[in-house]
Structures are given as structure tokens and as C-alpha cells.
Amino acid sequence: MQALNFPKYPFRIKSSENSLYIFDVIRKKFVLLQPEEWVRQHVIHFLSNTKKYPKSLINVEKQLIVNNLKKRYDIVVFKPNGEIFLLVECKAPTVMLNQTTFNQIAQYNYLLEANYLMLSNGIDHYYCEMDLINEKYRFLKEIPDFSR
């Protein structure tokens, strides 16, 4: 798999039936290793190991309904009180992050109301702090580390 713009993390990878699988520490199972999954797993390790978010507050690939369509968000990090702190959208490294990808995460956040957004293709990362009351956002250099 392609080297990504993240620190190096130890991953458990296995081969089965001519496919590679990577262990997801949140879902606690091996999942098919596709380019987007490679990015997703790096983001999970970035959040838990580098930014120190507890794994118990991280949720991966859950369904939501957007305009009567079933969609799945990539990663959500909850606050200890259950509110959504961070919404993450992961794309494969070959996918350019553009207005369409920003529109997708904004549409999801319209329902979820996260305080922060992260958009990554493993090479480029964008972070935003949301002002939900005024429906504005501000780009950040990075997301905050975990604090209680």
C-alpha cells in the first residue's frame, strides 16, 4: 500500500483468499484492505495514538439517512457526554479533495452537528472548526488533542 502523510503505526495485516485484510481496532475485526480503508485505519491510529482520543469514543462506518438515501460516515469521535465532537471523511489517496468532497461531509454534518470536521485522502488533510449557530466554519492547521 501507498505511504501516507501520517506517522508510522503498527498495523496487523493478514492475507486470505488472495486478498489483504487489516485489523480495525475499533470494530475489532479484520476488514478488506482497500485504498480508502488504508486511509481510514491511519486516521483511526492518528486519532487514538497521536491525538489521544479514547478508542471507546471513536465510532467507525455507521449508517445515516441523508435526503432519504442510506449513507455511511467514515469516523465519528464522541465527547464523553455523547455529543459528536469530530466527523471524519476518508477518501482513497487517488481521490482529489475538492468542493464535492467538502459538500459530502457538510451534508453529513448538517445531520450530525459535529464541532470539528476532518477530511483526508491520506496525503492531504483538512480540518475545520464549526460554528453551528452561524452556519460558518474556520479552517485549522490541526484538530485539538483530546481533553476531558
N, C-alpha and C. Protein backbone atom coordinates (compact mmCIF):
# COMPACT_ATOMS: atom_id res chain seq x y z
N MET A 1 0.85 -1.20 0.00
CA MET A 1 0.00 0.00 0.00
C MET A 1 0.88 1.26 0.00
N GLN A 2 0.30 2.30 -0.50
CA GLN A 2 1.00 3.58 -0.64
C GLN A 2 1.33 4.19 0.71
N ALA A 3 2.51 4.81 0.81
CA ALA A 3 2.87 5.56 2.02
C ALA A 3 1.98 6.79 2.12
N LEU A 4 1.51 7.07 3.34
CA LEU A 4 0.60 8.19 3.55
C LEU A 4 1.25 9.25 4.42
N ASN A 5 0.65 10.41 4.46
CA ASN A 5 1.16 11.55 5.22
C ASN A 5 0.66 11.48 6.67
N PHE A 6 1.07 10.43 7.36
CA PHE A 6 0.76 10.19 8.77
C PHE A 6 2.01 9.61 9.41
N PRO A 7 2.09 9.65 10.74
CA PRO A 7 3.18 8.91 11.40
C PRO A 7 3.06 7.42 11.09
N LYS A 8 4.13 6.68 11.30
CA LYS A 8 4.11 5.23 11.10
C LYS A 8 3.39 4.58 12.29
N TYR A 9 2.47 3.68 11.99
CA TYR A 9 1.73 2.96 13.03
C TYR A 9 1.86 1.47 12.78
N PRO A 10 1.80 0.68 13.86
CA PRO A 10 1.86 -0.79 13.68
C PRO A 10 0.47 -1.32 13.30
N PHE A 11 0.36 -1.91 12.15
CA PHE A 11 -0.91 -2.47 11.69
C PHE A 11 -0.81 -3.99 11.65
N ARG A 12 -1.90 -4.66 11.94
CA ARG A 12 -1.99 -6.11 11.78
C ARG A 12 -2.65 -6.37 10.43
N ILE A 13 -1.90 -6.99 9.53
CA ILE A 13 -2.40 -7.28 8.19
C ILE A 13 -2.27 -8.77 7.96
N LYS A 14 -3.31 -9.34 7.34
CA LYS A 14 -3.26 -10.76 7.01
C LYS A 14 -3.71 -10.96 5.57
N SER A 15 -3.30 -12.08 5.01
CA SER A 15 -3.70 -12.45 3.66
C SER A 15 -4.64 -13.64 3.75
N SER A 16 -5.72 -13.57 3.00
CA SER A 16 -6.69 -14.66 2.97
C SER A 16 -7.37 -14.68 1.61
N GLU A 17 -7.37 -15.82 0.96
CA GLU A 17 -8.03 -15.99 -0.34
C GLU A 17 -7.60 -14.91 -1.34
N ASN A 18 -6.30 -14.69 -1.44
CA ASN A 18 -5.70 -13.73 -2.38
C ASN A 18 -6.10 -12.28 -2.13
N SER A 19 -6.53 -11.96 -0.91
CA SER A 19 -6.85 -10.58 -0.54
C SER A 19 -6.13 -10.24 0.76
N LEU A 20 -5.86 -8.96 0.93
CA LEU A 20 -5.26 -8.49 2.18
C LEU A 20 -6.35 -7.91 3.08
N TYR A 21 -6.19 -8.13 4.37
CA TYR A 21 -7.11 -7.62 5.38
C TYR A 21 -6.31 -6.90 6.44
N ILE A 22 -6.89 -5.85 6.99
CA ILE A 22 -6.26 -5.08 8.05
C ILE A 22 -7.16 -5.11 9.28
N PHE A 23 -6.54 -5.23 10.47
CA PHE A 23 -7.33 -5.29 11.69
C PHE A 23 -7.75 -3.90 12.11
N ASP A 24 -9.05 -3.72 12.29
CA ASP A 24 -9.62 -2.46 12.75
C ASP A 24 -9.76 -2.54 14.27
N VAL A 25 -9.01 -1.70 14.98
CA VAL A 25 -9.01 -1.75 16.45
C VAL A 25 -10.30 -1.22 17.05
N ILE A 26 -11.11 -0.53 16.28
CA ILE A 26 -12.40 -0.03 16.77
C ILE A 26 -13.48 -1.08 16.57
N ARG A 27 -13.59 -1.59 15.36
CA ARG A 27 -14.60 -2.61 15.07
C ARG A 27 -14.17 -3.99 15.57
N LYS A 28 -12.89 -4.13 15.94
CA LYS A 28 -12.33 -5.36 16.49
C LYS A 28 -12.50 -6.55 15.54
N LYS A 29 -12.15 -6.28 14.26
CA LYS A 29 -12.20 -7.35 13.27
C LYS A 29 -11.32 -6.96 12.08
N PHE A 30 -10.96 -7.97 11.29
CA PHE A 30 -10.22 -7.72 10.07
C PHE A 30 -11.20 -7.27 8.99
N VAL A 31 -10.80 -6.24 8.24
CA VAL A 31 -11.62 -5.72 7.15
C VAL A 31 -10.76 -5.70 5.88
N LEU A 32 -11.42 -5.82 4.74
CA LEU A 32 -10.72 -5.85 3.46
C LEU A 32 -9.89 -4.58 3.28
N LEU A 33 -8.64 -4.75 2.93
CA LEU A 33 -7.73 -3.63 2.79
C LEU A 33 -7.82 -3.03 1.39
N GLN A 34 -8.63 -1.99 1.28
CA GLN A 34 -8.80 -1.21 0.06
C GLN A 34 -8.11 0.14 0.29
N PRO A 35 -7.84 0.92 -0.74
CA PRO A 35 -7.16 2.21 -0.54
C PRO A 35 -7.85 3.14 0.46
N GLU A 36 -9.18 3.24 0.40
CA GLU A 36 -9.88 4.10 1.38
C GLU A 36 -9.76 3.55 2.79
N GLU A 37 -9.79 2.22 2.93
CA GLU A 37 -9.64 1.60 4.25
C GLU A 37 -8.24 1.85 4.81
N TRP A 38 -7.24 1.86 3.95
CA TRP A 38 -5.87 2.16 4.35
C TRP A 38 -5.81 3.56 4.97
N VAL A 39 -6.49 4.52 4.36
CA VAL A 39 -6.56 5.88 4.90
C VAL A 39 -7.35 5.87 6.21
N ARG A 40 -8.49 5.20 6.23
CA ARG A 40 -9.34 5.15 7.43
C ARG A 40 -8.57 4.61 8.63
N GLN A 41 -7.81 3.54 8.41
CA GLN A 41 -7.06 2.94 9.52
C GLN A 41 -5.94 3.86 10.00
N HIS A 42 -5.33 4.59 9.10
CA HIS A 42 -4.33 5.58 9.53
C HIS A 42 -4.98 6.68 10.36
N VAL A 43 -6.15 7.13 9.93
CA VAL A 43 -6.85 8.18 10.68
C VAL A 43 -7.22 7.67 12.07
N ILE A 44 -7.71 6.44 12.17
CA ILE A 44 -8.06 5.87 13.48
C ILE A 44 -6.84 5.87 14.40
N HIS A 45 -5.71 5.42 13.89
CA HIS A 45 -4.49 5.40 14.71
C HIS A 45 -4.00 6.81 15.02
N PHE A 46 -4.14 7.72 14.08
CA PHE A 46 -3.80 9.12 14.32
C PHE A 46 -4.63 9.69 15.47
N LEU A 47 -5.92 9.43 15.42
CA LEU A 47 -6.81 9.95 16.48
C LEU A 47 -6.52 9.31 17.83
N SER A 48 -6.34 8.00 17.86
CA SER A 48 -6.16 7.31 19.14
C SER A 48 -4.73 7.38 19.67
N ASN A 49 -3.74 7.27 18.80
CA ASN A 49 -2.35 7.24 19.27
C ASN A 49 -1.70 8.62 19.32
N THR A 50 -1.94 9.43 18.33
CA THR A 50 -1.29 10.75 18.27
C THR A 50 -2.10 11.81 19.00
N LYS A 51 -3.40 11.88 18.74
CA LYS A 51 -4.26 12.89 19.35
C LYS A 51 -4.85 12.44 20.69
N LYS A 52 -4.65 11.17 21.04
CA LYS A 52 -5.03 10.61 22.35
C LYS A 52 -6.53 10.53 22.61
N TYR A 53 -7.34 10.41 21.56
CA TYR A 53 -8.77 10.21 21.76
C TYR A 53 -8.99 8.76 22.19
N PRO A 54 -9.76 8.54 23.25
CA PRO A 54 -10.02 7.16 23.70
C PRO A 54 -10.76 6.37 22.61
N LYS A 55 -10.33 5.14 22.41
CA LYS A 55 -10.98 4.29 21.40
C LYS A 55 -12.45 4.11 21.70
N SER A 56 -12.82 4.18 22.97
CA SER A 56 -14.23 4.00 23.35
C SER A 56 -15.12 5.13 22.84
N LEU A 57 -14.51 6.27 22.44
CA LEU A 57 -15.28 7.40 21.93
C LEU A 57 -15.27 7.48 20.41
N ILE A 58 -14.59 6.53 19.76
CA ILE A 58 -14.48 6.52 18.30
C ILE A 58 -15.45 5.50 17.71
N ASN A 59 -16.17 5.92 16.68
CA ASN A 59 -17.15 5.07 16.01
C ASN A 59 -16.82 5.05 14.52
N VAL A 60 -16.91 3.88 13.90
CA VAL A 60 -16.50 3.73 12.50
C VAL A 60 -17.63 3.16 11.63
N GLU A 61 -17.79 3.77 10.48
CA GLU A 61 -18.71 3.32 9.43
C GLU A 61 -20.11 2.94 9.93
N LYS A 62 -20.86 3.94 10.28
CA LYS A 62 -22.25 3.73 10.68
C LYS A 62 -23.17 4.41 9.67
N GLN A 63 -24.34 3.85 9.54
CA GLN A 63 -25.31 4.34 8.57
C GLN A 63 -26.03 5.59 9.07
N LEU A 64 -26.34 6.49 8.16
CA LEU A 64 -27.22 7.61 8.42
C LEU A 64 -28.05 7.84 7.17
N ILE A 65 -29.16 8.53 7.32
CA ILE A 65 -30.06 8.81 6.20
C ILE A 65 -29.89 10.28 5.80
N VAL A 66 -29.51 10.51 4.54
CA VAL A 66 -29.34 11.86 4.01
C VAL A 66 -30.25 11.99 2.80
N ASN A 67 -31.22 12.90 2.88
CA ASN A 67 -32.19 13.10 1.78
C ASN A 67 -32.83 11.78 1.34
N ASN A 68 -33.27 11.01 2.31
CA ASN A 68 -33.93 9.72 2.10
C ASN A 68 -33.02 8.66 1.47
N LEU A 69 -31.70 8.88 1.48
CA LEU A 69 -30.74 7.91 0.96
C LEU A 69 -29.89 7.38 2.10
N LYS A 70 -29.60 6.08 2.06
CA LYS A 70 -28.73 5.48 3.08
C LYS A 70 -27.28 5.81 2.75
N LYS A 71 -26.60 6.41 3.70
CA LYS A 71 -25.19 6.77 3.56
C LYS A 71 -24.45 6.21 4.76
N ARG A 72 -23.12 6.22 4.71
CA ARG A 72 -22.31 5.78 5.83
C ARG A 72 -21.22 6.82 6.08
N TYR A 73 -21.11 7.26 7.32
CA TYR A 73 -19.97 8.12 7.63
C TYR A 73 -18.76 7.23 7.91
N ASP A 74 -17.59 7.81 7.76
CA ASP A 74 -16.36 7.04 7.99
C ASP A 74 -16.03 6.93 9.47
N ILE A 75 -15.85 8.07 10.11
CA ILE A 75 -15.45 8.07 11.53
C ILE A 75 -16.14 9.22 12.24
N VAL A 76 -16.60 8.92 13.45
CA VAL A 76 -17.12 9.94 14.35
C VAL A 76 -16.42 9.76 15.69
N VAL A 77 -16.04 10.89 16.28
CA VAL A 77 -15.50 10.87 17.64
C VAL A 77 -16.51 11.60 18.52
N PHE A 78 -16.92 10.93 19.58
CA PHE A 78 -17.89 11.50 20.51
C PHE A 78 -17.19 12.20 21.66
N LYS A 79 -17.89 13.16 22.26
CA LYS A 79 -17.46 13.74 23.53
C LYS A 79 -17.89 12.75 24.61
N PRO A 80 -17.29 12.82 25.80
CA PRO A 80 -17.72 11.92 26.88
C PRO A 80 -19.22 12.02 27.20
N ASN A 81 -19.85 13.18 26.91
CA ASN A 81 -21.29 13.33 27.19
C ASN A 81 -22.17 12.78 26.06
N GLY A 82 -21.56 12.23 25.00
CA GLY A 82 -22.33 11.63 23.92
C GLY A 82 -22.55 12.51 22.71
N GLU A 83 -22.25 13.81 22.82
CA GLU A 83 -22.36 14.69 21.67
C GLU A 83 -21.24 14.37 20.69
N ILE A 84 -21.45 14.72 19.43
CA ILE A 84 -20.43 14.44 18.41
C ILE A 84 -19.41 15.58 18.38
N PHE A 85 -18.17 15.21 18.59
CA PHE A 85 -17.06 16.16 18.61
C PHE A 85 -16.45 16.34 17.22
N LEU A 86 -16.19 15.21 16.53
CA LEU A 86 -15.46 15.24 15.27
C LEU A 86 -16.09 14.28 14.27
N LEU A 87 -16.26 14.75 13.04
CA LEU A 87 -16.71 13.92 11.93
C LEU A 87 -15.58 13.87 10.92
N VAL A 88 -15.23 12.63 10.49
CA VAL A 88 -14.12 12.44 9.56
C VAL A 88 -14.63 11.77 8.28
N GLU A 89 -14.22 12.31 7.16
CA GLU A 89 -14.49 11.70 5.86
C GLU A 89 -13.15 11.29 5.27
N CYS A 90 -13.04 10.01 4.92
CA CYS A 90 -11.81 9.47 4.33
C CYS A 90 -12.04 9.14 2.87
N LYS A 91 -11.05 9.44 2.07
CA LYS A 91 -11.07 9.13 0.65
C LYS A 91 -9.78 8.38 0.32
N ALA A 92 -9.82 7.63 -0.78
CA ALA A 92 -8.61 6.95 -1.26
C ALA A 92 -7.58 8.00 -1.66
N PRO A 93 -6.29 7.65 -1.59
CA PRO A 93 -5.25 8.62 -1.96
C PRO A 93 -5.37 9.17 -3.39
N THR A 94 -6.00 8.44 -4.27
CA THR A 94 -6.15 8.90 -5.66
C THR A 94 -7.31 9.88 -5.83
N VAL A 95 -8.14 10.04 -4.80
CA VAL A 95 -9.30 10.94 -4.88
C VAL A 95 -8.88 12.34 -4.47
N MET A 96 -9.10 13.28 -5.36
CA MET A 96 -8.80 14.68 -5.05
C MET A 96 -9.83 15.21 -4.06
N LEU A 97 -9.35 15.98 -3.08
CA LEU A 97 -10.26 16.63 -2.14
C LEU A 97 -10.66 17.96 -2.75
N ASN A 98 -11.94 18.07 -3.08
CA ASN A 98 -12.43 19.26 -3.77
C ASN A 98 -13.78 19.66 -3.21
N GLN A 99 -14.46 20.55 -3.87
CA GLN A 99 -15.74 21.04 -3.37
C GLN A 99 -16.76 19.92 -3.21
N THR A 100 -16.73 18.93 -4.08
CA THR A 100 -17.66 17.80 -3.98
C THR A 100 -17.45 17.03 -2.69
N THR A 101 -16.19 16.77 -2.34
CA THR A 101 -15.92 16.03 -1.10
C THR A 101 -16.25 16.87 0.12
N PHE A 102 -16.02 18.19 0.03
CA PHE A 102 -16.41 19.06 1.14
C PHE A 102 -17.93 19.11 1.27
N ASN A 103 -18.64 19.12 0.15
CA ASN A 103 -20.10 19.12 0.20
C ASN A 103 -20.63 17.84 0.86
N GLN A 104 -19.97 16.72 0.60
CA GLN A 104 -20.41 15.45 1.20
C GLN A 104 -20.31 15.50 2.72
N ILE A 105 -19.16 15.92 3.24
CA ILE A 105 -19.01 15.95 4.70
C ILE A 105 -19.93 17.03 5.31
N ALA A 106 -20.13 18.13 4.60
CA ALA A 106 -21.03 19.18 5.10
C ALA A 106 -22.46 18.67 5.17
N GLN A 107 -22.85 17.88 4.17
CA GLN A 107 -24.21 17.31 4.16
C GLN A 107 -24.39 16.35 5.34
N TYR A 108 -23.39 15.53 5.60
CA TYR A 108 -23.45 14.63 6.76
C TYR A 108 -23.51 15.43 8.05
N ASN A 109 -22.71 16.49 8.11
CA ASN A 109 -22.66 17.27 9.34
C ASN A 109 -23.91 18.08 9.58
N TYR A 110 -24.67 18.34 8.55
CA TYR A 110 -25.95 19.02 8.72
C TYR A 110 -26.84 18.20 9.67
N LEU A 111 -26.72 16.87 9.58
CA LEU A 111 -27.48 15.98 10.46
C LEU A 111 -26.78 15.74 11.79
N LEU A 112 -25.46 15.58 11.75
CA LEU A 112 -24.72 15.14 12.93
C LEU A 112 -24.28 16.28 13.86
N GLU A 113 -24.06 17.47 13.31
CA GLU A 113 -23.69 18.66 14.08
C GLU A 113 -22.41 18.47 14.89
N ALA A 114 -21.35 17.99 14.25
CA ALA A 114 -20.05 17.86 14.91
C ALA A 114 -19.42 19.23 15.09
N ASN A 115 -18.60 19.36 16.12
CA ASN A 115 -17.87 20.61 16.36
C ASN A 115 -16.70 20.79 15.40
N TYR A 116 -16.12 19.66 14.97
CA TYR A 116 -14.96 19.70 14.08
C TYR A 116 -15.17 18.73 12.93
N LEU A 117 -14.55 19.05 11.79
CA LEU A 117 -14.56 18.18 10.62
C LEU A 117 -13.12 17.91 10.21
N MET A 118 -12.89 16.69 9.73
CA MET A 118 -11.59 16.33 9.16
C MET A 118 -11.87 15.62 7.84
N LEU A 119 -11.17 16.03 6.81
CA LEU A 119 -11.28 15.41 5.50
C LEU A 119 -9.87 15.01 5.08
N SER A 120 -9.69 13.72 4.73
CA SER A 120 -8.36 13.23 4.39
C SER A 120 -8.40 12.20 3.27
N ASN A 121 -7.42 12.29 2.39
CA ASN A 121 -7.18 11.23 1.42
C ASN A 121 -5.84 10.55 1.73
N GLY A 122 -5.35 10.77 2.92
CA GLY A 122 -4.09 10.19 3.36
C GLY A 122 -2.88 11.03 3.00
N ILE A 123 -3.01 11.83 1.96
CA ILE A 123 -1.93 12.71 1.52
C ILE A 123 -2.20 14.13 2.02
N ASP A 124 -3.39 14.62 1.74
CA ASP A 124 -3.83 15.94 2.19
C ASP A 124 -4.86 15.78 3.30
N HIS A 125 -4.80 16.65 4.28
CA HIS A 125 -5.74 16.64 5.39
C HIS A 125 -6.27 18.07 5.58
N TYR A 126 -7.57 18.18 5.75
CA TYR A 126 -8.19 19.47 6.03
C TYR A 126 -8.97 19.35 7.34
N TYR A 127 -8.85 20.38 8.17
CA TYR A 127 -9.52 20.42 9.46
C TYR A 127 -10.33 21.70 9.55
N CYS A 128 -11.55 21.60 10.05
CA CYS A 128 -12.42 22.77 10.21
C CYS A 128 -13.04 22.76 11.60
N GLU A 129 -13.19 23.93 12.15
CA GLU A 129 -13.98 24.11 13.37
C GLU A 129 -15.30 24.72 12.94
N MET A 130 -16.38 24.13 13.42
CA MET A 130 -17.71 24.56 13.00
C MET A 130 -18.29 25.59 13.96
N ASP A 131 -18.99 26.55 13.41
CA ASP A 131 -19.81 27.48 14.16
C ASP A 131 -21.24 27.15 13.73
N LEU A 132 -21.86 26.21 14.45
CA LEU A 132 -23.16 25.70 14.04
C LEU A 132 -24.27 26.74 14.13
N ILE A 133 -24.15 27.65 15.07
CA ILE A 133 -25.18 28.68 15.24
C ILE A 133 -25.21 29.61 14.03
N ASN A 134 -24.04 30.06 13.60
CA ASN A 134 -23.96 30.99 12.47
C ASN A 134 -23.73 30.29 11.13
N GLU A 135 -23.74 28.95 11.15
CA GLU A 135 -23.54 28.14 9.96
C GLU A 135 -22.29 28.56 9.19
N LYS A 136 -21.18 28.65 9.93
CA LYS A 136 -19.89 29.00 9.35
C LYS A 136 -18.86 27.99 9.82
N TYR A 137 -17.71 28.02 9.18
CA TYR A 137 -16.60 27.18 9.60
C TYR A 137 -15.30 27.94 9.42
N ARG A 138 -14.29 27.45 10.10
CA ARG A 138 -12.97 28.07 10.02
C ARG A 138 -11.95 26.95 9.87
N PHE A 139 -11.09 27.09 8.88
CA PHE A 139 -10.04 26.08 8.67
C PHE A 139 -8.98 26.19 9.76
N LEU A 140 -8.48 25.04 10.18
CA LEU A 140 -7.46 24.95 11.22
C LEU A 140 -6.23 24.25 10.67
N LYS A 141 -5.09 24.45 11.32
CA LYS A 141 -3.87 23.73 10.93
C LYS A 141 -3.93 22.29 11.40
N GLU A 142 -4.64 22.05 12.51
CA GLU A 142 -4.81 20.69 13.03
C GLU A 142 -6.01 20.67 13.96
N ILE A 143 -6.46 19.46 14.29
CA ILE A 143 -7.55 19.34 15.26
C ILE A 143 -6.95 19.28 16.65
N PRO A 144 -7.72 19.66 17.66
CA PRO A 144 -7.18 19.65 19.02
C PRO A 144 -6.94 18.22 19.51
N ASP A 145 -5.98 18.10 20.42
CA ASP A 145 -5.77 16.84 21.11
C ASP A 145 -6.95 16.60 22.05
N PHE A 146 -7.10 15.36 22.49
CA PHE A 146 -8.20 15.03 23.41
C PHE A 146 -7.97 15.70 24.75
N SER A 147 -9.04 16.24 25.30
CA SER A 147 -9.03 16.75 26.68
C SER A 147 -10.40 16.52 27.26
N ARG A 148 -10.46 16.26 28.52
CA ARG A 148 -11.74 15.96 29.17
C ARG A 148 -12.59 17.18 29.33
